[in-house]
């Protein structure tokens, strides 16, 4: 799993640099996000610009990340969502949960 982290004063951007957000990387991604989100206090953004496929395990990781932010009284932002992934989020009605930019 490849990713980039861009820490700025007002936001932290986590860019997932892989094509598939699925069960193959879900556990490792969840562990990485927990570690990262516990240490930051600014706006957290997940950039899915390279992701073209997602399964239920991937959506579960995003939901977990959203919950971590909500516990800090913050809103998770997901940006650059591919049309296929966005459609899956709509089917699961997660477009109502996530702040998608």
PDB file of N, CA and C in Angstrom:
ATOM      1  N   UNK A   1       0.847  -1.178   0.000  1.00  0.00           N
ATOM      2  CA  UNK A   1       0.000   0.000   0.000  1.00  0.00           C
ATOM      3  C   UNK A   1       0.893   1.243   0.000  1.00  0.00           C
ATOM      4  N   UNK A   2       0.614   2.122  -0.920  1.00  0.00           N
ATOM      5  CA  UNK A   2       1.375   3.366  -1.018  1.00  0.00           C
ATOM      6  C   UNK A   2       0.465   4.531  -0.670  1.00  0.00           C
ATOM      7  N   UNK A   3       1.053   5.502   0.021  1.00  0.00           N
ATOM      8  CA  UNK A   3       0.299   6.697   0.373  1.00  0.00           C
ATOM      9  C   UNK A   3       1.260   7.843   0.618  1.00  0.00           C
ATOM     10  N   UNK A   4       0.697   9.046   0.595  1.00  0.00           N
ATOM     11  CA  UNK A   4       1.465  10.257   0.900  1.00  0.00           C
ATOM     12  C   UNK A   4       0.707  11.031   1.967  1.00  0.00           C
ATOM     13  N   UNK A   5       1.455  11.672   2.850  1.00  0.00           N
ATOM     14  CA  UNK A   5       0.846  12.497   3.884  1.00  0.00           C
ATOM     15  C   UNK A   5       1.386  13.912   3.739  1.00  0.00           C
ATOM     16  N   UNK A   6       0.472  14.856   3.616  1.00  0.00           N
ATOM     17  CA  UNK A   6       0.833  16.266   3.488  1.00  0.00           C
ATOM     18  C   UNK A   6       0.283  16.999   4.711  1.00  0.00           C
ATOM     19  N   UNK A   7       1.159  17.259   5.679  1.00  0.00           N
ATOM     20  CA  UNK A   7       0.744  17.958   6.898  1.00  0.00           C
ATOM     21  C   UNK A   7       0.946  19.449   6.715  1.00  0.00           C
ATOM     22  N   UNK A   8      -0.132  20.193   6.822  1.00  0.00           N
ATOM     23  CA  UNK A   8      -0.100  21.641   6.729  1.00  0.00           C
ATOM     24  C   UNK A   8      -0.615  22.199   8.054  1.00  0.00           C
ATOM     25  N   UNK A   9      -0.545  23.497   8.222  1.00  0.00           N
ATOM     26  CA  UNK A   9      -0.956  24.069   9.500  1.00  0.00           C
ATOM     27  C   UNK A   9      -2.446  23.903   9.761  1.00  0.00           C
ATOM     28  N   UNK A  10      -3.263  24.030   8.700  1.00  0.00           N
ATOM     29  CA  UNK A  10      -4.711  23.970   8.903  1.00  0.00           C
ATOM     30  C   UNK A  10      -5.348  22.645   8.497  1.00  0.00           C
ATOM     31  N   UNK A  11      -4.592  21.775   7.804  1.00  0.00           N
ATOM     32  CA  UNK A  11      -5.150  20.499   7.355  1.00  0.00           C
ATOM     33  C   UNK A  11      -4.062  19.460   7.143  1.00  0.00           C
ATOM     34  N   UNK A  12      -4.494  18.203   7.172  1.00  0.00           N
ATOM     35  CA  UNK A  12      -3.622  17.084   6.852  1.00  0.00           C
ATOM     36  C   UNK A  12      -4.300  16.291   5.751  1.00  0.00           C
ATOM     37  N   UNK A  13      -3.572  16.079   4.652  1.00  0.00           N
ATOM     38  CA  UNK A  13      -4.126  15.344   3.509  1.00  0.00           C
ATOM     39  C   UNK A  13      -3.442  13.986   3.429  1.00  0.00           C
ATOM     40  N   UNK A  14      -4.270  12.948   3.454  1.00  0.00           N
ATOM     41  CA  UNK A  14      -3.794  11.572   3.299  1.00  0.00           C
ATOM     42  C   UNK A  14      -4.169  11.140   1.890  1.00  0.00           C
ATOM     43  N   UNK A  15      -3.171  10.995   1.009  1.00  0.00           N
ATOM     44  CA  UNK A  15      -3.438  10.591  -0.377  1.00  0.00           C
ATOM     45  C   UNK A  15      -3.108   9.121  -0.537  1.00  0.00           C
ATOM     46  N   UNK A  16      -4.135   8.347  -0.812  1.00  0.00           N
ATOM     47  CA  UNK A  16      -3.954   6.921  -1.046  1.00  0.00           C
ATOM     48  C   UNK A  16      -3.511   6.732  -2.492  1.00  0.00           C
ATOM     49  N   UNK A  17      -2.307   6.232  -2.689  1.00  0.00           N
ATOM     50  CA  UNK A  17      -1.720   6.096  -4.021  1.00  0.00           C
ATOM     51  C   UNK A  17      -1.796   4.649  -4.494  1.00  0.00           C
ATOM     52  N   UNK A  18      -3.012   4.147  -4.575  1.00  0.00           N
ATOM     53  CA  UNK A  18      -3.258   2.792  -5.054  1.00  0.00           C
ATOM     54  C   UNK A  18      -4.576   2.777  -5.810  1.00  0.00           C
ATOM     55  N   UNK A  19      -4.752   1.825  -6.704  1.00  0.00           N
ATOM     56  CA  UNK A  19      -5.965   1.779  -7.513  1.00  0.00           C
ATOM     57  C   UNK A  19      -7.147   1.139  -6.783  1.00  0.00           C
ATOM     58  N   UNK A  20      -6.868   0.218  -5.874  1.00  0.00           N
ATOM     59  CA  UNK A  20      -7.950  -0.510  -5.209  1.00  0.00           C
ATOM     60  C   UNK A  20      -7.951  -0.274  -3.710  1.00  0.00           C
ATOM     61  N   UNK A  21      -9.102   0.157  -3.226  1.00  0.00           N
ATOM     62  CA  UNK A  21      -9.332   0.285  -1.787  1.00  0.00           C
ATOM     63  C   UNK A  21     -10.213  -0.902  -1.421  1.00  0.00           C
ATOM     64  N   UNK A  22      -9.553  -2.017  -1.075  1.00  0.00           N
ATOM     65  CA  UNK A  22     -10.294  -3.253  -0.877  1.00  0.00           C
ATOM     66  C   UNK A  22      -9.740  -4.062   0.290  1.00  0.00           C
ATOM     67  N   UNK A  23     -10.219  -5.283   0.414  1.00  0.00           N
ATOM     68  CA  UNK A  23      -9.849  -6.141   1.540  1.00  0.00           C
ATOM     69  C   UNK A  23      -8.351  -6.429   1.611  1.00  0.00           C
ATOM     70  N   UNK A  24      -7.651  -6.305   0.504  1.00  0.00           N
ATOM     71  CA  UNK A  24      -6.209  -6.569   0.503  1.00  0.00           C
ATOM     72  C   UNK A  24      -5.418  -5.548   1.320  1.00  0.00           C
ATOM     73  N   UNK A  25      -5.912  -4.329   1.401  1.00  0.00           N
ATOM     74  CA  UNK A  25      -5.174  -3.290   2.131  1.00  0.00           C
ATOM     75  C   UNK A  25      -5.956  -2.735   3.326  1.00  0.00           C
ATOM     76  N   UNK A  26      -7.173  -3.194   3.526  1.00  0.00           N
ATOM     77  CA  UNK A  26      -8.053  -2.605   4.540  1.00  0.00           C
ATOM     78  C   UNK A  26      -7.435  -2.594   5.940  1.00  0.00           C
ATOM     79  N   UNK A  27      -6.895  -3.703   6.377  1.00  0.00           N
ATOM     80  CA  UNK A  27      -6.345  -3.776   7.739  1.00  0.00           C
ATOM     81  C   UNK A  27      -5.143  -2.842   7.906  1.00  0.00           C
ATOM     82  N   UNK A  28      -4.238  -2.845   6.937  1.00  0.00           N
ATOM     83  CA  UNK A  28      -3.060  -1.991   7.017  1.00  0.00           C
ATOM     84  C   UNK A  28      -3.456  -0.512   6.949  1.00  0.00           C
ATOM     85  N   UNK A  29      -4.419  -0.190   6.100  1.00  0.00           N
ATOM     86  CA  UNK A  29      -4.880   1.189   5.977  1.00  0.00           C
ATOM     87  C   UNK A  29      -5.541   1.656   7.264  1.00  0.00           C
ATOM     88  N   UNK A  30      -6.359   0.810   7.848  1.00  0.00           N
ATOM     89  CA  UNK A  30      -7.031   1.161   9.104  1.00  0.00           C
ATOM     90  C   UNK A  30      -6.005   1.457  10.196  1.00  0.00           C
ATOM     91  N   UNK A  31      -4.993   0.622  10.315  1.00  0.00           N
ATOM     92  CA  UNK A  31      -3.953   0.828  11.324  1.00  0.00           C
ATOM     93  C   UNK A  31      -3.217   2.149  11.092  1.00  0.00           C
ATOM     94  N   UNK A  32      -2.909   2.445   9.840  1.00  0.00           N
ATOM     95  CA  UNK A  32      -2.205   3.684   9.510  1.00  0.00           C
ATOM     96  C   UNK A  32      -3.065   4.902   9.835  1.00  0.00           C
ATOM     97  N   UNK A  33      -4.348   4.839   9.491  1.00  0.00           N
ATOM     98  CA  UNK A  33      -5.244   5.961   9.747  1.00  0.00           C
ATOM     99  C   UNK A  33      -5.452   6.196  11.239  1.00  0.00           C
ATOM    100  N   UNK A  34      -5.572   5.134  12.009  1.00  0.00           N
ATOM    101  CA  UNK A  34      -5.725   5.282  13.463  1.00  0.00           C
ATOM    102  C   UNK A  34      -4.522   6.018  14.033  1.00  0.00           C
ATOM    103  N   UNK A  35      -3.340   5.592  13.670  1.00  0.00           N
ATOM    104  CA  UNK A  35      -2.118   6.223  14.158  1.00  0.00           C
ATOM    105  C   UNK A  35      -2.070   7.697  13.763  1.00  0.00           C
ATOM    106  N   UNK A  36      -2.338   7.971  12.493  1.00  0.00           N
ATOM    107  CA  UNK A  36      -2.270   9.337  11.985  1.00  0.00           C
ATOM    108  C   UNK A  36      -3.338  10.231  12.608  1.00  0.00           C
ATOM    109  N   UNK A  37      -4.568   9.755  12.646  1.00  0.00           N
ATOM    110  CA  UNK A  37      -5.662  10.586  13.136  1.00  0.00           C
ATOM    111  C   UNK A  37      -5.575  10.848  14.635  1.00  0.00           C
ATOM    112  N   UNK A  38      -4.931   9.980  15.374  1.00  0.00           N
ATOM    113  CA  UNK A  38      -4.756  10.218  16.807  1.00  0.00           C
ATOM    114  C   UNK A  38      -3.746  11.331  17.066  1.00  0.00           C
ATOM    115  N   UNK A  39      -2.793  11.511  16.147  1.00  0.00           N
ATOM    116  CA  UNK A  39      -1.733  12.498  16.383  1.00  0.00           C
ATOM    117  C   UNK A  39      -2.037  13.889  15.821  1.00  0.00           C
ATOM    118  N   UNK A  40      -3.006  13.999  14.927  1.00  0.00           N
ATOM    119  CA  UNK A  40      -3.307  15.310  14.339  1.00  0.00           C
ATOM    120  C   UNK A  40      -4.533  15.936  14.994  1.00  0.00           C
ATOM    121  N   UNK A  41      -4.592  17.261  14.920  1.00  0.00           N
ATOM    122  CA  UNK A  41      -5.728  17.963  15.507  1.00  0.00           C
ATOM    123  C   UNK A  41      -6.380  18.922  14.508  1.00  0.00           C
ATOM    124  N   UNK A  42      -5.877  18.950  13.274  1.00  0.00           N
ATOM    125  CA  UNK A  42      -6.441  19.852  12.278  1.00  0.00           C
ATOM    126  C   UNK A  42      -7.402  19.099  11.356  1.00  0.00           C
ATOM    127  N   UNK A  43      -7.879  19.753  10.309  1.00  0.00           N
ATOM    128  CA  UNK A  43      -8.823  19.150   9.363  1.00  0.00           C
ATOM    129  C   UNK A  43      -8.169  17.964   8.662  1.00  0.00           C
ATOM    130  N   UNK A  44      -8.859  16.822   8.656  1.00  0.00           N
ATOM    131  CA  UNK A  44      -8.322  15.617   8.024  1.00  0.00           C
ATOM    132  C   UNK A  44      -9.040  15.375   6.706  1.00  0.00           C
ATOM    133  N   UNK A  45      -8.241  15.176   5.654  1.00  0.00           N
ATOM    134  CA  UNK A  45      -8.769  14.971   4.305  1.00  0.00           C
ATOM    135  C   UNK A  45      -8.166  13.692   3.738  1.00  0.00           C
ATOM    136  N   UNK A  46      -9.025  12.847   3.181  1.00  0.00           N
ATOM    137  CA  UNK A  46      -8.549  11.657   2.470  1.00  0.00           C
ATOM    138  C   UNK A  46      -8.734  11.913   0.982  1.00  0.00           C
ATOM    139  N   UNK A  47      -7.641  11.830   0.234  1.00  0.00           N
ATOM    140  CA  UNK A  47      -7.648  12.043  -1.209  1.00  0.00           C
ATOM    141  C   UNK A  47      -7.655  10.683  -1.903  1.00  0.00           C
ATOM    142  N   UNK A  48      -8.748  10.392  -2.615  1.00  0.00           N
ATOM    143  CA  UNK A  48      -8.885   9.109  -3.310  1.00  0.00           C
ATOM    144  C   UNK A  48      -8.688   9.259  -4.815  1.00  0.00           C
ATOM    145  N   UNK A  49      -7.900  10.238  -5.228  1.00  0.00           N
ATOM    146  CA  UNK A  49      -7.705  10.528  -6.641  1.00  0.00           C
ATOM    147  C   UNK A  49      -7.181   9.371  -7.475  1.00  0.00           C
ATOM    148  N   UNK A  50      -6.400   8.472  -6.903  1.00  0.00           N
ATOM    149  CA  UNK A  50      -5.849   7.337  -7.646  1.00  0.00           C
ATOM    150  C   UNK A  50      -6.714   6.088  -7.551  1.00  0.00           C
ATOM    151  N   UNK A  51      -7.697   6.093  -6.662  1.00  0.00           N
ATOM    152  CA  UNK A  51      -8.514   4.904  -6.406  1.00  0.00           C
ATOM    153  C   UNK A  51      -9.621   4.787  -7.458  1.00  0.00           C
ATOM    154  N   UNK A  52      -9.668   3.640  -8.129  1.00  0.00           N
ATOM    155  CA  UNK A  52     -10.710   3.396  -9.128  1.00  0.00           C
ATOM    156  C   UNK A  52     -11.667   2.284  -8.716  1.00  0.00           C
ATOM    157  N   UNK A  53     -11.279   1.477  -7.716  1.00  0.00           N
ATOM    158  CA  UNK A  53     -12.131   0.381  -7.247  1.00  0.00           C
ATOM    159  C   UNK A  53     -12.175   0.383  -5.728  1.00  0.00           C
ATOM    160  N   UNK A  54     -13.334   0.010  -5.205  1.00  0.00           N
ATOM    161  CA  UNK A  54     -13.519  -0.048  -3.761  1.00  0.00           C
ATOM    162  C   UNK A  54     -14.495  -1.173  -3.451  1.00  0.00           C
ATOM    163  N   UNK A  55     -14.293  -1.850  -2.342  1.00  0.00           N
ATOM    164  CA  UNK A  55     -15.255  -2.860  -1.911  1.00  0.00           C
ATOM    165  C   UNK A  55     -15.754  -2.520  -0.513  1.00  0.00           C
ATOM    166  N   UNK A  56     -16.539  -3.402   0.072  1.00  0.00           N
ATOM    167  CA  UNK A  56     -17.138  -3.129   1.382  1.00  0.00           C
ATOM    168  C   UNK A  56     -16.088  -2.958   2.471  1.00  0.00           C
ATOM    169  N   UNK A  57     -14.971  -3.644   2.358  1.00  0.00           N
ATOM    170  CA  UNK A  57     -13.891  -3.488   3.343  1.00  0.00           C
ATOM    171  C   UNK A  57     -13.302  -2.084   3.269  1.00  0.00           C
ATOM    172  N   UNK A  58     -13.160  -1.582   2.069  1.00  0.00           N
ATOM    173  CA  UNK A  58     -12.655  -0.220   1.892  1.00  0.00           C
ATOM    174  C   UNK A  58     -13.618   0.807   2.442  1.00  0.00           C
ATOM    175  N   UNK A  59     -14.907   0.618   2.177  1.00  0.00           N
ATOM    176  CA  UNK A  59     -15.915   1.535   2.723  1.00  0.00           C
ATOM    177  C   UNK A  59     -15.913   1.486   4.246  1.00  0.00           C
ATOM    178  N   UNK A  60     -15.712   0.306   4.793  1.00  0.00           N
ATOM    179  CA  UNK A  60     -15.663   0.148   6.249  1.00  0.00           C
ATOM    180  C   UNK A  60     -14.516   0.950   6.856  1.00  0.00           C
ATOM    181  N   UNK A  61     -13.368   0.949   6.196  1.00  0.00           N
ATOM    182  CA  UNK A  61     -12.218   1.725   6.675  1.00  0.00           C
ATOM    183  C   UNK A  61     -12.544   3.218   6.641  1.00  0.00           C
ATOM    184  N   UNK A  62     -13.189   3.667   5.576  1.00  0.00           N
ATOM    185  CA  UNK A  62     -13.563   5.079   5.482  1.00  0.00           C
ATOM    186  C   UNK A  62     -14.573   5.450   6.567  1.00  0.00           C
ATOM    187  N   UNK A  63     -15.512   4.570   6.841  1.00  0.00           N
ATOM    188  CA  UNK A  63     -16.478   4.811   7.920  1.00  0.00           C
ATOM    189  C   UNK A  63     -15.789   4.889   9.275  1.00  0.00           C
ATOM    190  N   UNK A  64     -14.810   4.020   9.486  1.00  0.00           N
ATOM    191  CA  UNK A  64     -14.060   4.037  10.736  1.00  0.00           C
ATOM    192  C   UNK A  64     -13.310   5.358  10.889  1.00  0.00           C
ATOM    193  N   UNK A  65     -12.707   5.814   9.801  1.00  0.00           N
ATOM    194  CA  UNK A  65     -11.978   7.080   9.817  1.00  0.00           C
ATOM    195  C   UNK A  65     -12.933   8.243  10.097  1.00  0.00           C
ATOM    196  N   UNK A  66     -14.113   8.186   9.510  1.00  0.00           N
ATOM    197  CA  UNK A  66     -15.123   9.221   9.747  1.00  0.00           C
ATOM    198  C   UNK A  66     -15.517   9.249  11.219  1.00  0.00           C
ATOM    199  N   UNK A  67     -15.664   8.070  11.819  1.00  0.00           N
ATOM    200  CA  UNK A  67     -16.021   7.996  13.240  1.00  0.00           C
ATOM    201  C   UNK A  67     -14.928   8.583  14.132  1.00  0.00           C
ATOM    202  N   UNK A  68     -13.673   8.336  13.792  1.00  0.00           N
ATOM    203  CA  UNK A  68     -12.569   8.913  14.568  1.00  0.00           C
ATOM    204  C   UNK A  68     -12.624  10.432  14.548  1.00  0.00           C
ATOM    205  N   UNK A  69     -12.926  10.994  13.383  1.00  0.00           N
ATOM    206  CA  UNK A  69     -13.030  12.451  13.279  1.00  0.00           C
ATOM    207  C   UNK A  69     -14.245  12.974  14.041  1.00  0.00           C
ATOM    208  N   UNK A  70     -15.367  12.276  13.928  1.00  0.00           N
ATOM    209  CA  UNK A  70     -16.581  12.691  14.631  1.00  0.00           C
ATOM    210  C   UNK A  70     -16.363  12.701  16.143  1.00  0.00           C
ATOM    211  N   UNK A  71     -15.592  11.741  16.653  1.00  0.00           N
ATOM    212  CA  UNK A  71     -15.281  11.695  18.085  1.00  0.00           C
ATOM    213  C   UNK A  71     -14.472  12.911  18.527  1.00  0.00           C
ATOM    214  N   UNK A  72     -13.772  13.547  17.579  1.00  0.00           N
ATOM    215  CA  UNK A  72     -13.006  14.767  17.862  1.00  0.00           C
ATOM    216  C   UNK A  72     -13.827  16.016  17.531  1.00  0.00           C
ATOM    217  N   UNK A  73     -15.125  15.806  17.245  1.00  0.00           N
ATOM    218  CA  UNK A  73     -16.021  16.897  16.830  1.00  0.00           C
ATOM    219  C   UNK A  73     -15.539  17.573  15.557  1.00  0.00           C
ATOM    220  N   UNK A  74     -15.035  16.769  14.644  1.00  0.00           N
ATOM    221  CA  UNK A  74     -14.569  17.263  13.352  1.00  0.00           C
ATOM    222  C   UNK A  74     -15.258  16.465  12.247  1.00  0.00           C
ATOM    223  N   UNK A  75     -15.123  16.948  11.036  1.00  0.00           N
ATOM    224  CA  UNK A  75     -15.739  16.312   9.880  1.00  0.00           C
ATOM    225  C   UNK A  75     -14.648  15.792   8.953  1.00  0.00           C
ATOM    226  N   UNK A  76     -14.749  14.520   8.568  1.00  0.00           N
ATOM    227  CA  UNK A  76     -13.830  13.943   7.596  1.00  0.00           C
ATOM    228  C   UNK A  76     -14.227  14.431   6.203  1.00  0.00           C
ATOM    229  N   UNK A  77     -13.247  14.859   5.432  1.00  0.00           N
ATOM    230  CA  UNK A  77     -13.484  15.252   4.047  1.00  0.00           C
ATOM    231  C   UNK A  77     -12.816  14.213   3.147  1.00  0.00           C
ATOM    232  N   UNK A  78     -13.574  13.753   2.153  1.00  0.00           N
ATOM    233  CA  UNK A  78     -13.033  12.834   1.154  1.00  0.00           C
ATOM    234  C   UNK A  78     -13.078  13.568  -0.176  1.00  0.00           C
ATOM    235  N   UNK A  79     -11.925  13.628  -0.860  1.00  0.00           N
ATOM    236  CA  UNK A  79     -11.896  14.380  -2.116  1.00  0.00           C
ATOM    237  C   UNK A  79     -11.375  13.534  -3.265  1.00  0.00           C
ATOM    238  N   UNK A  80     -11.650  14.034  -4.478  1.00  0.00           N
ATOM    239  CA  UNK A  80     -11.218  13.382  -5.719  1.00  0.00           C
ATOM    240  C   UNK A  80     -11.727  11.944  -5.830  1.00  0.00           C
ATOM    241  N   UNK A  81     -13.013  11.770  -5.575  1.00  0.00           N
ATOM    242  CA  UNK A  81     -13.611  10.436  -5.600  1.00  0.00           C
ATOM    243  C   UNK A  81     -13.990  10.068  -7.032  1.00  0.00           C
ATOM    244  N   UNK A  82     -13.490   8.939  -7.488  1.00  0.00           N
ATOM    245  CA  UNK A  82     -13.782   8.389  -8.809  1.00  0.00           C
ATOM    246  C   UNK A  82     -15.280   8.110  -8.935  1.00  0.00           C
ATOM    247  N   UNK A  83     -15.814   8.194 -10.147  1.00  0.00           N
ATOM    248  CA  UNK A  83     -17.252   7.994 -10.379  1.00  0.00           C
ATOM    249  C   UNK A  83     -17.730   6.623  -9.899  1.00  0.00           C
ATOM    250  N   UNK A  84     -16.929   5.566 -10.127  1.00  0.00           N
ATOM    251  CA  UNK A  84     -17.322   4.221  -9.683  1.00  0.00           C
ATOM    252  C   UNK A  84     -17.411   4.143  -8.167  1.00  0.00           C
ATOM    253  N   UNK A  85     -16.448   4.727  -7.496  1.00  0.00           N
ATOM    254  CA  UNK A  85     -16.429   4.713  -6.034  1.00  0.00           C
ATOM    255  C   UNK A  85     -17.571   5.578  -5.496  1.00  0.00           C
ATOM    256  N   UNK A  86     -17.809   6.702  -6.121  1.00  0.00           N
ATOM    257  CA  UNK A  86     -18.907   7.587  -5.709  1.00  0.00           C
ATOM    258  C   UNK A  86     -20.253   6.873  -5.858  1.00  0.00           C
ATOM    259  N   UNK A  87     -20.420   6.130  -6.965  1.00  0.00           N
ATOM    260  CA  UNK A  87     -21.663   5.375  -7.173  1.00  0.00           C
ATOM    261  C   UNK A  87     -21.861   4.327  -6.079  1.00  0.00           C
ATOM    262  N   UNK A  88     -20.775   3.648  -5.698  1.00  0.00           N
ATOM    263  CA  UNK A  88     -20.861   2.662  -4.623  1.00  0.00           C
ATOM    264  C   UNK A  88     -21.256   3.328  -3.309  1.00  0.00           C
ATOM    265  N   UNK A  89     -20.693   4.501  -3.039  1.00  0.00           N
ATOM    266  CA  UNK A  89     -21.048   5.243  -1.829  1.00  0.00           C
ATOM    267  C   UNK A  89     -22.521   5.643  -1.846  1.00  0.00           C
ATOM    268  N   UNK A  90     -23.018   6.019  -3.020  1.00  0.00           N
ATOM    269  CA  UNK A  90     -24.432   6.396  -3.129  1.00  0.00           C
ATOM    270  C   UNK A  90     -25.339   5.192  -2.906  1.00  0.00           C
ATOM    271  N   UNK A  91     -24.980   4.048  -3.472  1.00  0.00           N
ATOM    272  CA  UNK A  91     -25.772   2.831  -3.290  1.00  0.00           C
ATOM    273  C   UNK A  91     -25.849   2.466  -1.813  1.00  0.00           C
ATOM    274  N   UNK A  92     -24.735   2.606  -1.117  1.00  0.00           N
ATOM    275  CA  UNK A  92     -24.682   2.296   0.318  1.00  0.00           C
ATOM    276  C   UNK A  92     -25.192   3.456   1.175  1.00  0.00           C
ATOM    277  N   UNK A  93     -25.613   4.543   0.505  1.00  0.00           N
ATOM    278  CA  UNK A  93     -26.112   5.752   1.156  1.00  0.00           C
ATOM    279  C   UNK A  93     -25.064   6.424   2.048  1.00  0.00           C
ATOM    280  N   UNK A  94     -23.813   6.207   1.723  1.00  0.00           N
ATOM    281  CA  UNK A  94     -22.731   6.816   2.492  1.00  0.00           C
ATOM    282  C   UNK A  94     -22.412   8.217   1.995  1.00  0.00           C
ATOM    283  N   UNK A  95     -22.986   8.605   0.867  1.00  0.00           N
ATOM    284  CA  UNK A  95     -22.810   9.981   0.412  1.00  0.00           C
ATOM    285  C   UNK A  95     -23.463  10.950   1.388  1.00  0.00           C
ATOM    286  N   UNK A  96     -24.347  10.445   2.237  1.00  0.00           N
ATOM    287  CA  UNK A  96     -24.977  11.262   3.278  1.00  0.00           C
ATOM    288  C   UNK A  96     -24.091  11.363   4.524  1.00  0.00           C
ATOM    289  N   UNK A  97     -23.187  10.426   4.675  1.00  0.00           N
ATOM    290  CA  UNK A  97     -22.300  10.387   5.844  1.00  0.00           C
ATOM    291  C   UNK A  97     -21.022  11.156   5.587  1.00  0.00           C
ATOM    292  N   UNK A  98     -20.454  10.978   4.409  1.00  0.00           N
ATOM    293  CA  UNK A  98     -19.173  11.587   4.075  1.00  0.00           C
ATOM    294  C   UNK A  98     -19.362  12.974   3.493  1.00  0.00           C
ATOM    295  N   UNK A  99     -18.402  13.854   3.779  1.00  0.00           N
ATOM    296  CA  UNK A  99     -18.333  15.156   3.135  1.00  0.00           C
ATOM    297  C   UNK A  99     -17.432  14.960   1.922  1.00  0.00           C
ATOM    298  N   UNK A 100     -18.052  14.789   0.754  1.00  0.00           N
ATOM    299  CA  UNK A 100     -17.318  14.475  -0.466  1.00  0.00           C
ATOM    300  C   UNK A 100     -17.114  15.755  -1.273  1.00  0.00           C
ATOM    301  N   UNK A 101     -15.861  16.051  -1.577  1.00  0.00           N
ATOM    302  CA  UNK A 101     -15.517  17.254  -2.356  1.00  0.00           C
ATOM    303  C   UNK A 101     -15.031  16.843  -3.737  1.00  0.00           C
TER     304      UNK A 101
END
